[in-house]
């Protein structure tokens, strides 16, 4: 095997492998029948992304009515998303809060995770909280926010969503793929290439001494 070929092989195998997966989106409508405007599900509940990937987000009601259920609302437009069953419009109000576990997303090593709220009418607003970080939506700011992944990771991979006026929905979460660690097979191949390089260099050095 020529030196240049081995070098190219080893270099290629040692580089991080970019994820081939497309951007993943969770709209929290996994269980809604085709002609239904929504469905109540128990808390906590796992949601898969719309692309059919195995990555899940676990949602739970942390403040709200006793034995509260989550509500997957399909009202069209920005009236789609995750709320709390039995509250006004089956949405998250100022007396309630929903927690999302995003650890499975962090394990994908994403480039970014964005959260959007739905059903934010005039005079309504909401906040997401992770650790000591708060971000306002609706009357306070734009309707979508890109999470600080370092802060999210340091605070357990959880975010909490609550309304600061009126009621809102968790509209969607989008994860953009990032660089992945090399596969074990790639690492083994890279190692073999480096060993071959070492053998060639040693042989060449020995020939020069003769």
N, C-alpha and C. Protein backbone atom coordinates (compact mmCIF):
# COMPACT_ATOMS: atom_id res chain seq x y z
N UNK A 1 0.85 -1.19 0.00
CA UNK A 1 0.00 0.00 0.00
C UNK A 1 0.88 1.24 0.00
N UNK A 2 0.63 2.16 -0.91
CA UNK A 2 1.47 3.33 -1.01
C UNK A 2 1.27 4.26 0.16
N UNK A 3 2.34 5.01 0.45
CA UNK A 3 2.32 5.93 1.59
C UNK A 3 1.18 6.93 1.48
N UNK A 4 0.98 7.53 0.32
CA UNK A 4 -0.05 8.56 0.14
C UNK A 4 -1.44 7.99 0.36
N UNK A 5 -1.67 6.77 -0.07
CA UNK A 5 -2.97 6.14 0.09
C UNK A 5 -3.27 5.87 1.55
N UNK A 6 -2.28 5.34 2.26
CA UNK A 6 -2.46 5.06 3.68
C UNK A 6 -2.71 6.35 4.45
N UNK A 7 -1.95 7.40 4.10
CA UNK A 7 -2.12 8.68 4.78
C UNK A 7 -3.52 9.24 4.58
N UNK A 8 -4.01 9.17 3.35
CA UNK A 8 -5.35 9.67 3.07
C UNK A 8 -6.40 8.87 3.82
N UNK A 9 -6.22 7.54 3.87
CA UNK A 9 -7.16 6.68 4.57
C UNK A 9 -7.19 6.99 6.05
N UNK A 10 -6.03 7.10 6.66
CA UNK A 10 -5.95 7.36 8.09
C UNK A 10 -6.54 8.72 8.43
N UNK A 11 -6.25 9.72 7.61
CA UNK A 11 -6.76 11.06 7.87
C UNK A 11 -8.27 11.10 7.78
N UNK A 12 -8.83 10.44 6.78
CA UNK A 12 -10.28 10.44 6.60
C UNK A 12 -10.97 9.74 7.75
N UNK A 13 -10.40 8.61 8.18
CA UNK A 13 -11.05 7.85 9.24
C UNK A 13 -10.94 8.53 10.59
N UNK A 14 -9.91 9.35 10.79
CA UNK A 14 -9.71 10.01 12.08
C UNK A 14 -10.57 11.24 12.24
N UNK A 15 -11.14 11.78 11.14
CA UNK A 15 -11.95 12.97 11.23
C UNK A 15 -13.30 12.66 11.84
N UNK A 16 -13.92 13.61 12.60
CA UNK A 16 -15.27 13.39 13.13
C UNK A 16 -16.25 13.16 12.00
N UNK A 17 -17.21 12.27 12.24
CA UNK A 17 -18.22 11.96 11.23
C UNK A 17 -19.43 12.83 11.45
N UNK A 18 -19.83 13.61 10.44
CA UNK A 18 -21.02 14.43 10.57
C UNK A 18 -22.25 13.56 10.47
N UNK A 19 -23.26 13.88 11.29
CA UNK A 19 -24.50 13.12 11.27
C UNK A 19 -25.18 13.26 9.92
N UNK A 20 -25.66 12.15 9.40
CA UNK A 20 -26.38 12.18 8.12
C UNK A 20 -27.87 12.41 8.33
N UNK A 21 -28.31 12.42 9.59
CA UNK A 21 -29.74 12.60 9.87
C UNK A 21 -30.16 14.03 9.57
N UNK A 22 -31.42 14.16 9.16
CA UNK A 22 -31.96 15.49 8.91
C UNK A 22 -32.33 16.13 10.25
N UNK A 23 -32.71 17.39 10.19
CA UNK A 23 -33.18 18.08 11.39
C UNK A 23 -34.40 17.36 11.96
N UNK A 24 -34.41 17.17 13.27
CA UNK A 24 -35.50 16.46 13.93
C UNK A 24 -36.46 17.46 14.57
N UNK A 25 -37.78 17.18 14.44
CA UNK A 25 -38.81 18.07 14.97
C UNK A 25 -39.82 17.28 15.79
N UNK A 26 -40.18 17.84 16.93
CA UNK A 26 -41.24 17.27 17.78
C UNK A 26 -42.40 18.27 17.79
N UNK A 27 -43.60 17.82 17.37
CA UNK A 27 -44.76 18.72 17.39
C UNK A 27 -45.80 18.31 18.44
N UNK A 28 -45.52 17.24 19.19
CA UNK A 28 -46.35 16.80 20.31
C UNK A 28 -47.77 16.44 19.90
N UNK A 29 -47.90 15.84 18.72
CA UNK A 29 -49.22 15.40 18.24
C UNK A 29 -49.19 13.92 17.89
N UNK A 30 -48.31 13.16 18.53
CA UNK A 30 -48.11 11.75 18.17
C UNK A 30 -49.36 10.89 18.32
N UNK A 31 -50.22 11.23 19.28
CA UNK A 31 -51.34 10.34 19.62
C UNK A 31 -52.68 10.85 19.13
N UNK A 32 -52.70 11.96 18.39
CA UNK A 32 -53.97 12.56 17.97
C UNK A 32 -54.48 11.85 16.71
N UNK A 33 -55.70 11.27 16.77
CA UNK A 33 -56.28 10.64 15.57
C UNK A 33 -56.44 11.66 14.46
N UNK A 34 -56.51 11.17 13.23
CA UNK A 34 -56.54 12.04 12.07
C UNK A 34 -57.61 13.12 12.09
N UNK A 35 -58.83 12.80 12.51
CA UNK A 35 -59.93 13.76 12.46
C UNK A 35 -60.22 14.41 13.81
N UNK A 36 -59.34 14.21 14.77
CA UNK A 36 -59.56 14.73 16.11
C UNK A 36 -58.89 16.09 16.29
N UNK A 37 -59.45 16.89 17.20
CA UNK A 37 -58.85 18.19 17.51
C UNK A 37 -57.90 18.12 18.69
N UNK A 38 -57.75 16.91 19.26
CA UNK A 38 -56.82 16.76 20.37
C UNK A 38 -57.11 15.52 21.19
N UNK A 39 -56.16 15.20 22.08
CA UNK A 39 -56.32 14.03 22.93
C UNK A 39 -55.55 14.24 24.23
N UNK A 40 -56.14 13.77 25.35
CA UNK A 40 -55.47 13.84 26.65
C UNK A 40 -54.62 12.58 26.85
N UNK A 41 -53.42 12.76 27.39
CA UNK A 41 -52.52 11.63 27.66
C UNK A 41 -51.98 11.78 29.08
N UNK A 42 -51.62 10.67 29.67
CA UNK A 42 -51.14 10.68 31.05
C UNK A 42 -49.80 11.40 31.16
N UNK A 43 -49.53 11.90 32.34
CA UNK A 43 -48.25 12.57 32.64
C UNK A 43 -47.47 11.71 33.63
N UNK A 44 -46.19 11.44 33.35
CA UNK A 44 -45.37 11.85 32.20
C UNK A 44 -45.71 11.06 30.94
N UNK A 45 -45.28 11.61 29.81
CA UNK A 45 -45.56 10.98 28.52
C UNK A 45 -44.38 11.21 27.59
N UNK A 46 -44.06 10.19 26.79
CA UNK A 46 -42.94 10.27 25.85
C UNK A 46 -43.44 10.61 24.45
N UNK A 47 -42.71 11.51 23.79
CA UNK A 47 -43.06 11.93 22.44
C UNK A 47 -41.88 11.67 21.50
N UNK A 48 -42.19 11.10 20.34
CA UNK A 48 -41.16 10.87 19.33
C UNK A 48 -41.22 12.00 18.30
N UNK A 49 -40.14 12.12 17.53
CA UNK A 49 -40.10 13.18 16.53
C UNK A 49 -40.93 12.81 15.31
N UNK A 50 -41.24 13.79 14.49
CA UNK A 50 -42.11 13.57 13.34
C UNK A 50 -41.44 12.77 12.23
N UNK A 51 -40.10 12.63 12.28
CA UNK A 51 -39.38 11.87 11.26
C UNK A 51 -39.32 10.38 11.57
N UNK A 52 -39.86 9.97 12.71
CA UNK A 52 -39.88 8.56 13.05
C UNK A 52 -38.60 8.06 13.68
N UNK A 53 -37.74 8.96 14.13
CA UNK A 53 -36.52 8.57 14.83
C UNK A 53 -36.89 8.02 16.20
N UNK A 54 -35.98 7.29 16.83
CA UNK A 54 -36.27 6.69 18.13
C UNK A 54 -36.03 7.64 19.29
N UNK A 55 -35.55 8.86 19.03
CA UNK A 55 -35.27 9.82 20.08
C UNK A 55 -36.56 10.37 20.67
N UNK A 56 -36.67 10.38 21.99
CA UNK A 56 -37.91 10.81 22.63
C UNK A 56 -37.67 12.01 23.56
N UNK A 57 -38.73 12.78 23.71
CA UNK A 57 -38.79 13.84 24.71
C UNK A 57 -39.86 13.43 25.71
N UNK A 58 -39.53 13.48 26.99
CA UNK A 58 -40.49 13.12 28.04
C UNK A 58 -41.04 14.41 28.65
N UNK A 59 -42.37 14.53 28.62
CA UNK A 59 -43.04 15.71 29.17
C UNK A 59 -43.83 15.32 30.40
N UNK A 60 -43.90 16.23 31.36
CA UNK A 60 -44.69 15.96 32.57
C UNK A 60 -45.23 17.27 33.13
N UNK A 61 -46.40 17.17 33.77
CA UNK A 61 -46.99 18.33 34.44
C UNK A 61 -46.37 18.42 35.83
N UNK A 62 -45.73 19.54 36.13
CA UNK A 62 -45.10 19.69 37.45
C UNK A 62 -45.91 20.62 38.35
N UNK A 63 -46.72 21.49 37.76
CA UNK A 63 -47.68 22.30 38.51
C UNK A 63 -48.98 22.33 37.74
N UNK A 64 -50.09 22.18 38.46
CA UNK A 64 -51.39 22.17 37.81
C UNK A 64 -52.40 21.42 38.65
N UNK A 65 -53.56 21.09 38.09
CA UNK A 65 -54.59 20.35 38.83
C UNK A 65 -54.07 18.99 39.30
N UNK A 66 -54.68 18.47 40.35
CA UNK A 66 -54.30 17.14 40.84
C UNK A 66 -54.50 16.10 39.74
N UNK A 67 -53.53 15.21 39.59
CA UNK A 67 -53.57 14.16 38.58
C UNK A 67 -53.77 14.72 37.17
N UNK A 68 -53.19 15.87 36.92
CA UNK A 68 -53.37 16.53 35.63
C UNK A 68 -52.80 15.68 34.49
N UNK A 69 -53.47 15.77 33.36
CA UNK A 69 -53.00 15.10 32.15
C UNK A 69 -52.48 16.14 31.16
N UNK A 70 -51.58 15.69 30.32
CA UNK A 70 -51.13 16.52 29.21
C UNK A 70 -52.18 16.49 28.10
N UNK A 71 -52.15 17.52 27.26
CA UNK A 71 -53.12 17.56 26.17
C UNK A 71 -52.42 17.87 24.86
N UNK A 72 -52.55 16.97 23.90
CA UNK A 72 -52.02 17.18 22.55
C UNK A 72 -53.11 17.87 21.74
N UNK A 73 -52.91 19.15 21.47
CA UNK A 73 -53.95 19.97 20.84
C UNK A 73 -53.66 20.19 19.36
N UNK A 74 -54.66 19.92 18.54
CA UNK A 74 -54.53 20.14 17.10
C UNK A 74 -55.65 21.06 16.64
N UNK A 75 -55.39 22.36 16.77
CA UNK A 75 -56.40 23.34 16.40
C UNK A 75 -56.10 24.05 15.10
N UNK A 76 -54.98 23.70 14.46
CA UNK A 76 -54.59 24.35 13.21
C UNK A 76 -53.75 25.58 13.44
N UNK A 77 -52.86 25.87 12.50
CA UNK A 77 -51.99 27.03 12.62
C UNK A 77 -51.12 26.96 13.85
N UNK A 78 -51.08 28.06 14.62
CA UNK A 78 -50.26 28.04 15.84
C UNK A 78 -51.04 27.52 17.03
N UNK A 79 -52.24 26.96 16.76
CA UNK A 79 -53.03 26.35 17.84
C UNK A 79 -52.73 24.86 17.95
N UNK A 80 -51.55 24.46 17.50
CA UNK A 80 -51.09 23.08 17.64
C UNK A 80 -50.00 23.04 18.70
N UNK A 81 -50.02 21.98 19.52
CA UNK A 81 -48.95 21.82 20.48
C UNK A 81 -49.40 21.14 21.75
N UNK A 82 -48.59 21.28 22.78
CA UNK A 82 -48.79 20.56 24.04
C UNK A 82 -49.29 21.49 25.12
N UNK A 83 -50.39 21.10 25.75
CA UNK A 83 -50.96 21.86 26.86
C UNK A 83 -51.31 20.96 28.02
N UNK A 84 -52.22 21.42 28.86
CA UNK A 84 -52.66 20.66 30.03
C UNK A 84 -54.18 20.49 29.97
N UNK A 85 -54.62 19.27 30.04
CA UNK A 85 -56.04 18.95 29.89
C UNK A 85 -56.86 19.52 31.06
N UNK A 86 -57.98 20.13 30.71
CA UNK A 86 -58.92 20.62 31.73
C UNK A 86 -58.76 22.09 32.07
N UNK A 87 -57.62 22.70 31.71
CA UNK A 87 -57.45 24.13 31.93
C UNK A 87 -58.08 24.89 30.75
N UNK A 88 -58.14 26.21 30.84
CA UNK A 88 -58.74 27.00 29.77
C UNK A 88 -58.11 26.65 28.43
N UNK A 89 -58.94 26.28 27.45
CA UNK A 89 -58.48 25.91 26.11
C UNK A 89 -57.51 24.74 26.12
N UNK A 90 -57.45 24.01 27.24
CA UNK A 90 -56.52 22.88 27.38
C UNK A 90 -55.08 23.31 27.13
N UNK A 91 -54.74 24.48 27.66
CA UNK A 91 -53.40 25.02 27.47
C UNK A 91 -52.71 25.24 28.82
N UNK A 92 -51.46 25.70 28.77
CA UNK A 92 -50.68 25.97 29.98
C UNK A 92 -50.99 27.40 30.42
N UNK A 93 -51.45 27.56 31.65
CA UNK A 93 -51.78 28.91 32.12
C UNK A 93 -50.79 29.37 33.18
N UNK A 94 -51.11 30.48 33.83
CA UNK A 94 -50.17 31.08 34.79
C UNK A 94 -50.08 30.29 36.10
N UNK A 95 -50.98 29.34 36.28
CA UNK A 95 -50.98 28.53 37.52
C UNK A 95 -50.41 27.14 37.29
N UNK A 96 -49.85 26.90 36.12
CA UNK A 96 -49.39 25.56 35.77
C UNK A 96 -48.03 25.61 35.10
N UNK A 97 -47.44 24.42 34.96
CA UNK A 97 -46.09 24.35 34.40
C UNK A 97 -45.84 22.95 33.87
N UNK A 98 -45.16 22.88 32.72
CA UNK A 98 -44.80 21.60 32.11
C UNK A 98 -43.29 21.51 32.00
N UNK A 99 -42.76 20.35 32.37
CA UNK A 99 -41.31 20.10 32.30
C UNK A 99 -41.02 19.16 31.14
N UNK A 100 -39.96 19.47 30.39
CA UNK A 100 -39.52 18.61 29.29
C UNK A 100 -38.12 18.10 29.56
N UNK A 101 -37.95 16.80 29.43
CA UNK A 101 -36.64 16.16 29.59
C UNK A 101 -36.00 16.05 28.21
N UNK A 102 -34.91 16.81 27.99
CA UNK A 102 -34.26 16.86 26.68
C UNK A 102 -32.92 16.11 26.65
N UNK A 103 -32.70 15.24 27.63
CA UNK A 103 -31.41 14.55 27.71
C UNK A 103 -31.15 13.66 26.51
N UNK A 104 -32.19 13.05 25.95
CA UNK A 104 -31.97 12.20 24.78
C UNK A 104 -31.54 13.03 23.58
N UNK A 105 -31.96 14.30 23.52
CA UNK A 105 -31.52 15.19 22.45
C UNK A 105 -30.06 15.58 22.64
N UNK A 106 -29.70 15.87 23.89
CA UNK A 106 -28.31 16.24 24.17
C UNK A 106 -27.36 15.09 23.82
N UNK A 107 -27.82 13.85 23.98
CA UNK A 107 -26.98 12.70 23.66
C UNK A 107 -26.67 12.61 22.17
N UNK A 108 -27.45 13.29 21.33
CA UNK A 108 -27.20 13.30 19.90
C UNK A 108 -26.10 14.28 19.51
N UNK A 109 -25.61 15.04 20.48
CA UNK A 109 -24.61 16.08 20.22
C UNK A 109 -25.11 17.05 19.15
N UNK A 110 -26.29 17.68 19.39
CA UNK A 110 -26.85 18.56 18.35
C UNK A 110 -26.09 19.87 18.23
N UNK A 111 -26.20 20.48 17.06
CA UNK A 111 -25.64 21.81 16.88
C UNK A 111 -26.50 22.85 17.58
N UNK A 112 -27.82 22.59 17.61
CA UNK A 112 -28.73 23.53 18.28
C UNK A 112 -30.04 22.85 18.61
N UNK A 113 -30.73 23.38 19.63
CA UNK A 113 -32.08 22.96 19.98
C UNK A 113 -32.92 24.23 20.12
N UNK A 114 -34.00 24.31 19.36
CA UNK A 114 -34.87 25.50 19.39
C UNK A 114 -36.24 25.12 19.92
N UNK A 115 -36.81 25.99 20.74
CA UNK A 115 -38.14 25.78 21.33
C UNK A 115 -39.06 26.89 20.86
N UNK A 116 -40.28 26.53 20.45
CA UNK A 116 -41.26 27.55 20.08
C UNK A 116 -42.55 27.32 20.85
N UNK A 117 -43.25 28.41 21.15
CA UNK A 117 -44.55 28.34 21.79
C UNK A 117 -45.65 28.58 20.76
N UNK A 118 -46.83 28.05 21.06
CA UNK A 118 -47.98 28.25 20.19
C UNK A 118 -49.12 28.92 20.94
N UNK A 119 -50.13 29.36 20.19
CA UNK A 119 -51.33 29.98 20.75
C UNK A 119 -51.02 31.18 21.62
N UNK A 120 -50.03 31.97 21.22
CA UNK A 120 -49.68 33.18 21.96
C UNK A 120 -50.47 34.34 21.34
N UNK A 121 -51.57 34.72 22.00
CA UNK A 121 -52.43 35.79 21.51
C UNK A 121 -51.96 37.14 22.07
N UNK A 122 -52.62 38.19 21.60
CA UNK A 122 -52.30 39.53 22.09
C UNK A 122 -52.48 39.60 23.60
N UNK A 123 -51.45 40.08 24.28
CA UNK A 123 -51.50 40.20 25.73
C UNK A 123 -51.08 38.95 26.47
N UNK A 124 -50.79 37.86 25.73
CA UNK A 124 -50.35 36.62 26.37
C UNK A 124 -48.83 36.48 26.24
N UNK A 125 -48.27 35.64 27.10
CA UNK A 125 -46.83 35.41 27.05
C UNK A 125 -46.46 34.18 27.84
N UNK A 126 -45.23 33.74 27.67
CA UNK A 126 -44.76 32.58 28.39
C UNK A 126 -43.28 32.66 28.63
N UNK A 127 -42.78 31.78 29.51
CA UNK A 127 -41.37 31.70 29.82
C UNK A 127 -40.91 30.26 29.72
N UNK A 128 -39.67 30.08 29.31
CA UNK A 128 -39.01 28.79 29.53
C UNK A 128 -37.89 29.05 30.53
N UNK A 129 -37.66 28.06 31.37
CA UNK A 129 -36.62 28.16 32.40
C UNK A 129 -35.75 26.92 32.35
N UNK A 130 -34.43 27.11 32.38
CA UNK A 130 -33.50 25.99 32.59
C UNK A 130 -32.38 26.51 33.47
N UNK A 131 -32.30 25.93 34.67
CA UNK A 131 -31.38 26.46 35.67
C UNK A 131 -31.82 27.85 36.07
N UNK A 132 -30.89 28.79 36.07
CA UNK A 132 -31.21 30.18 36.40
C UNK A 132 -31.49 31.01 35.16
N UNK A 133 -31.62 30.35 34.00
CA UNK A 133 -31.87 31.06 32.74
C UNK A 133 -33.36 31.10 32.45
N UNK A 134 -33.87 32.29 32.18
CA UNK A 134 -35.27 32.48 31.80
C UNK A 134 -35.32 33.15 30.43
N UNK A 135 -36.29 32.74 29.62
CA UNK A 135 -36.45 33.38 28.32
C UNK A 135 -37.93 33.62 28.08
N UNK A 136 -38.27 34.86 27.70
CA UNK A 136 -39.66 35.24 27.52
C UNK A 136 -40.14 35.12 26.10
N UNK A 137 -41.42 34.77 25.93
CA UNK A 137 -42.06 34.65 24.63
C UNK A 137 -43.25 35.60 24.55
N UNK A 138 -43.79 35.72 23.34
CA UNK A 138 -45.03 36.45 23.16
C UNK A 138 -44.84 37.94 23.34
N UNK A 139 -45.56 38.50 24.32
CA UNK A 139 -45.49 39.94 24.53
C UNK A 139 -44.11 40.38 24.98
N UNK A 140 -43.28 39.41 25.42
CA UNK A 140 -41.95 39.75 25.92
C UNK A 140 -40.90 39.67 24.82
N UNK A 141 -41.04 38.75 23.91
CA UNK A 141 -39.99 38.54 22.91
C UNK A 141 -40.56 37.70 21.78
N UNK A 142 -39.67 37.22 20.89
CA UNK A 142 -40.10 36.42 19.76
C UNK A 142 -40.64 35.07 20.22
N UNK A 143 -41.26 34.33 19.28
CA UNK A 143 -41.94 33.10 19.65
C UNK A 143 -41.05 31.87 19.63
N UNK A 144 -39.77 32.02 19.26
CA UNK A 144 -38.86 30.88 19.22
C UNK A 144 -37.55 31.25 19.90
N UNK A 145 -36.95 30.28 20.55
CA UNK A 145 -35.71 30.52 21.28
C UNK A 145 -34.76 29.34 21.09
N UNK A 146 -33.49 29.64 20.77
CA UNK A 146 -32.45 28.62 20.67
C UNK A 146 -31.79 28.48 22.04
N UNK A 147 -31.84 27.27 22.59
CA UNK A 147 -31.32 27.03 23.93
C UNK A 147 -29.81 27.13 23.97
N UNK A 148 -29.28 27.59 25.09
CA UNK A 148 -27.85 27.53 25.35
C UNK A 148 -27.54 26.10 25.81
N UNK A 149 -26.92 25.31 24.95
CA UNK A 149 -26.73 23.89 25.23
C UNK A 149 -25.83 23.63 26.42
N UNK A 150 -24.84 24.48 26.63
CA UNK A 150 -23.95 24.32 27.78
C UNK A 150 -24.73 24.52 29.08
N UNK A 151 -25.53 25.57 29.13
CA UNK A 151 -26.35 25.82 30.32
C UNK A 151 -27.37 24.72 30.52
N UNK A 152 -27.98 24.27 29.43
CA UNK A 152 -28.97 23.19 29.51
C UNK A 152 -28.34 21.93 30.08
N UNK A 153 -27.16 21.57 29.60
CA UNK A 153 -26.48 20.36 30.06
C UNK A 153 -26.11 20.46 31.53
N UNK A 154 -25.62 21.63 31.96
CA UNK A 154 -25.21 21.81 33.34
C UNK A 154 -26.38 21.75 34.31
N UNK A 155 -27.58 21.98 33.80
CA UNK A 155 -28.76 22.00 34.67
C UNK A 155 -29.66 20.79 34.45
N UNK A 156 -29.05 19.66 34.10
CA UNK A 156 -29.76 18.40 34.08
C UNK A 156 -30.47 18.06 32.80
N UNK A 157 -30.46 18.94 31.80
CA UNK A 157 -31.12 18.64 30.54
C UNK A 157 -32.61 18.86 30.54
N UNK A 158 -33.12 19.62 31.53
CA UNK A 158 -34.55 19.87 31.64
C UNK A 158 -34.88 21.34 31.36
N UNK A 159 -36.06 21.57 30.76
CA UNK A 159 -36.60 22.92 30.68
C UNK A 159 -38.02 22.91 31.23
N UNK A 160 -38.43 24.02 31.82
CA UNK A 160 -39.80 24.18 32.32
C UNK A 160 -40.47 25.30 31.53
N UNK A 161 -41.74 25.10 31.19
CA UNK A 161 -42.50 26.08 30.41
C UNK A 161 -43.74 26.48 31.19
N UNK A 162 -43.98 27.79 31.29
CA UNK A 162 -45.18 28.27 31.97
C UNK A 162 -45.62 29.59 31.34
N UNK A 163 -46.89 29.94 31.54
CA UNK A 163 -47.44 31.17 30.98
C UNK A 163 -47.24 32.31 31.97
N UNK A 164 -47.03 33.50 31.43
CA UNK A 164 -46.94 34.70 32.26
C UNK A 164 -48.14 35.61 32.05
N UNK A 165 -49.00 35.22 31.13
CA UNK A 165 -50.22 35.96 30.86
C UNK A 165 -51.08 35.14 29.92
N UNK A 166 -52.36 34.96 30.24
CA UNK A 166 -53.22 34.13 29.41
C UNK A 166 -52.81 32.68 29.46
N UNK A 167 -52.80 32.01 28.30
CA UNK A 167 -52.39 30.61 28.25
C UNK A 167 -51.71 30.33 26.92
N UNK A 168 -50.81 29.36 26.92
CA UNK A 168 -49.98 29.07 25.75
C UNK A 168 -49.82 27.56 25.58
N UNK A 169 -49.27 27.18 24.45
CA UNK A 169 -48.91 25.79 24.16
C UNK A 169 -47.41 25.69 23.93
N UNK A 170 -46.85 24.50 24.16
CA UNK A 170 -45.49 24.22 23.68
C UNK A 170 -45.66 23.80 22.23
N UNK A 171 -45.29 24.68 21.31
CA UNK A 171 -45.57 24.43 19.90
C UNK A 171 -44.72 23.35 19.27
N UNK A 172 -43.41 23.47 19.40
CA UNK A 172 -42.52 22.48 18.80
C UNK A 172 -41.12 22.63 19.36
N UNK A 173 -40.34 21.58 19.16
CA UNK A 173 -38.90 21.59 19.46
C UNK A 173 -38.17 21.05 18.24
N UNK A 174 -37.11 21.73 17.85
CA UNK A 174 -36.34 21.34 16.68
C UNK A 174 -34.88 21.17 17.07
N UNK A 175 -34.29 20.04 16.68
CA UNK A 175 -32.88 19.75 16.96
C UNK A 175 -32.13 19.65 15.63
N UNK A 176 -31.09 20.47 15.50
CA UNK A 176 -30.26 20.45 14.29
C UNK A 176 -29.05 19.57 14.55
N UNK A 177 -28.76 18.60 13.67
CA UNK A 177 -27.66 17.67 13.92
C UNK A 177 -26.31 18.36 13.95
N UNK A 178 -25.40 17.80 14.75
CA UNK A 178 -24.04 18.31 14.85
C UNK A 178 -23.05 17.21 14.58
N UNK A 179 -21.77 17.49 14.84
CA UNK A 179 -20.71 16.50 14.61
C UNK A 179 -20.83 15.36 15.60
N UNK A 180 -20.63 14.14 15.13
CA UNK A 180 -20.68 12.96 15.97
C UNK A 180 -19.28 12.41 16.18
N UNK A 181 -19.12 11.70 17.29
CA UNK A 181 -17.84 11.02 17.54
C UNK A 181 -17.66 9.90 16.52
N UNK A 182 -16.42 9.57 16.13
CA UNK A 182 -16.19 8.50 15.17
C UNK A 182 -16.75 7.17 15.66
N UNK A 183 -17.28 6.37 14.73
CA UNK A 183 -17.76 5.03 15.05
C UNK A 183 -16.57 4.15 15.45
N UNK A 184 -16.80 3.12 16.30
CA UNK A 184 -15.71 2.20 16.68
C UNK A 184 -15.02 1.58 15.47
N UNK A 185 -15.79 1.23 14.44
CA UNK A 185 -15.19 0.62 13.26
C UNK A 185 -14.26 1.61 12.56
N UNK A 186 -14.69 2.88 12.53
CA UNK A 186 -13.83 3.89 11.91
C UNK A 186 -12.54 4.09 12.70
N UNK A 187 -12.67 4.06 14.03
CA UNK A 187 -11.48 4.21 14.86
C UNK A 187 -10.51 3.05 14.64
N UNK A 188 -11.06 1.82 14.52
CA UNK A 188 -10.21 0.66 14.29
C UNK A 188 -9.49 0.77 12.95
N UNK A 189 -10.21 1.23 11.93
CA UNK A 189 -9.62 1.36 10.61
C UNK A 189 -8.55 2.45 10.60
N UNK A 190 -8.84 3.54 11.32
CA UNK A 190 -7.84 4.61 11.42
C UNK A 190 -6.58 4.10 12.12
N UNK A 191 -6.77 3.30 13.17
CA UNK A 191 -5.63 2.74 13.89
C UNK A 191 -4.80 1.83 13.00
N UNK A 192 -5.48 1.02 12.19
CA UNK A 192 -4.76 0.13 11.27
C UNK A 192 -3.96 0.94 10.26
N UNK A 193 -4.56 2.03 9.81
CA UNK A 193 -3.84 2.89 8.85
C UNK A 193 -2.61 3.51 9.46
N UNK A 194 -2.72 3.94 10.71
CA UNK A 194 -1.57 4.55 11.39
C UNK A 194 -0.46 3.53 11.64
N UNK A 195 -0.85 2.30 11.97
CA UNK A 195 0.15 1.24 12.15
C UNK A 195 0.89 0.99 10.84
N UNK A 196 0.14 0.95 9.73
CA UNK A 196 0.76 0.74 8.42
C UNK A 196 1.72 1.88 8.10
N UNK A 197 1.31 3.08 8.46
CA UNK A 197 2.19 4.23 8.24
C UNK A 197 3.50 4.06 9.00
N UNK A 198 3.38 3.61 10.24
CA UNK A 198 4.56 3.41 11.06
C UNK A 198 5.49 2.37 10.46
N UNK A 199 4.92 1.28 9.94
CA UNK A 199 5.73 0.23 9.33
C UNK A 199 6.47 0.74 8.09
N UNK A 200 5.74 1.53 7.28
CA UNK A 200 6.37 2.06 6.07
C UNK A 200 7.51 3.00 6.42
N UNK A 201 7.27 3.86 7.41
CA UNK A 201 8.31 4.81 7.82
C UNK A 201 9.53 4.08 8.36
N UNK A 202 9.29 3.02 9.16
CA UNK A 202 10.41 2.26 9.72
C UNK A 202 11.21 1.57 8.61
N UNK A 203 10.51 0.99 7.63
CA UNK A 203 11.20 0.30 6.53
C UNK A 203 12.02 1.29 5.71
N UNK A 204 11.42 2.47 5.47
CA UNK A 204 12.13 3.48 4.69
C UNK A 204 13.38 3.95 5.42
N UNK A 205 13.26 4.11 6.75
CA UNK A 205 14.40 4.55 7.56
C UNK A 205 15.49 3.50 7.54
N UNK A 206 15.10 2.22 7.61
CA UNK A 206 16.08 1.15 7.60
C UNK A 206 16.82 1.08 6.27
N UNK A 207 16.10 1.32 5.17
CA UNK A 207 16.71 1.29 3.85
C UNK A 207 17.72 2.44 3.70
N UNK A 208 17.41 3.58 4.28
CA UNK A 208 18.31 4.73 4.19
C UNK A 208 19.61 4.49 4.98
N UNK A 209 19.55 3.69 6.03
CA UNK A 209 20.74 3.40 6.85
C UNK A 209 21.68 2.42 6.15
N UNK A 210 21.11 1.61 5.26
CA UNK A 210 21.95 0.58 4.59
C UNK A 210 22.87 1.22 3.54
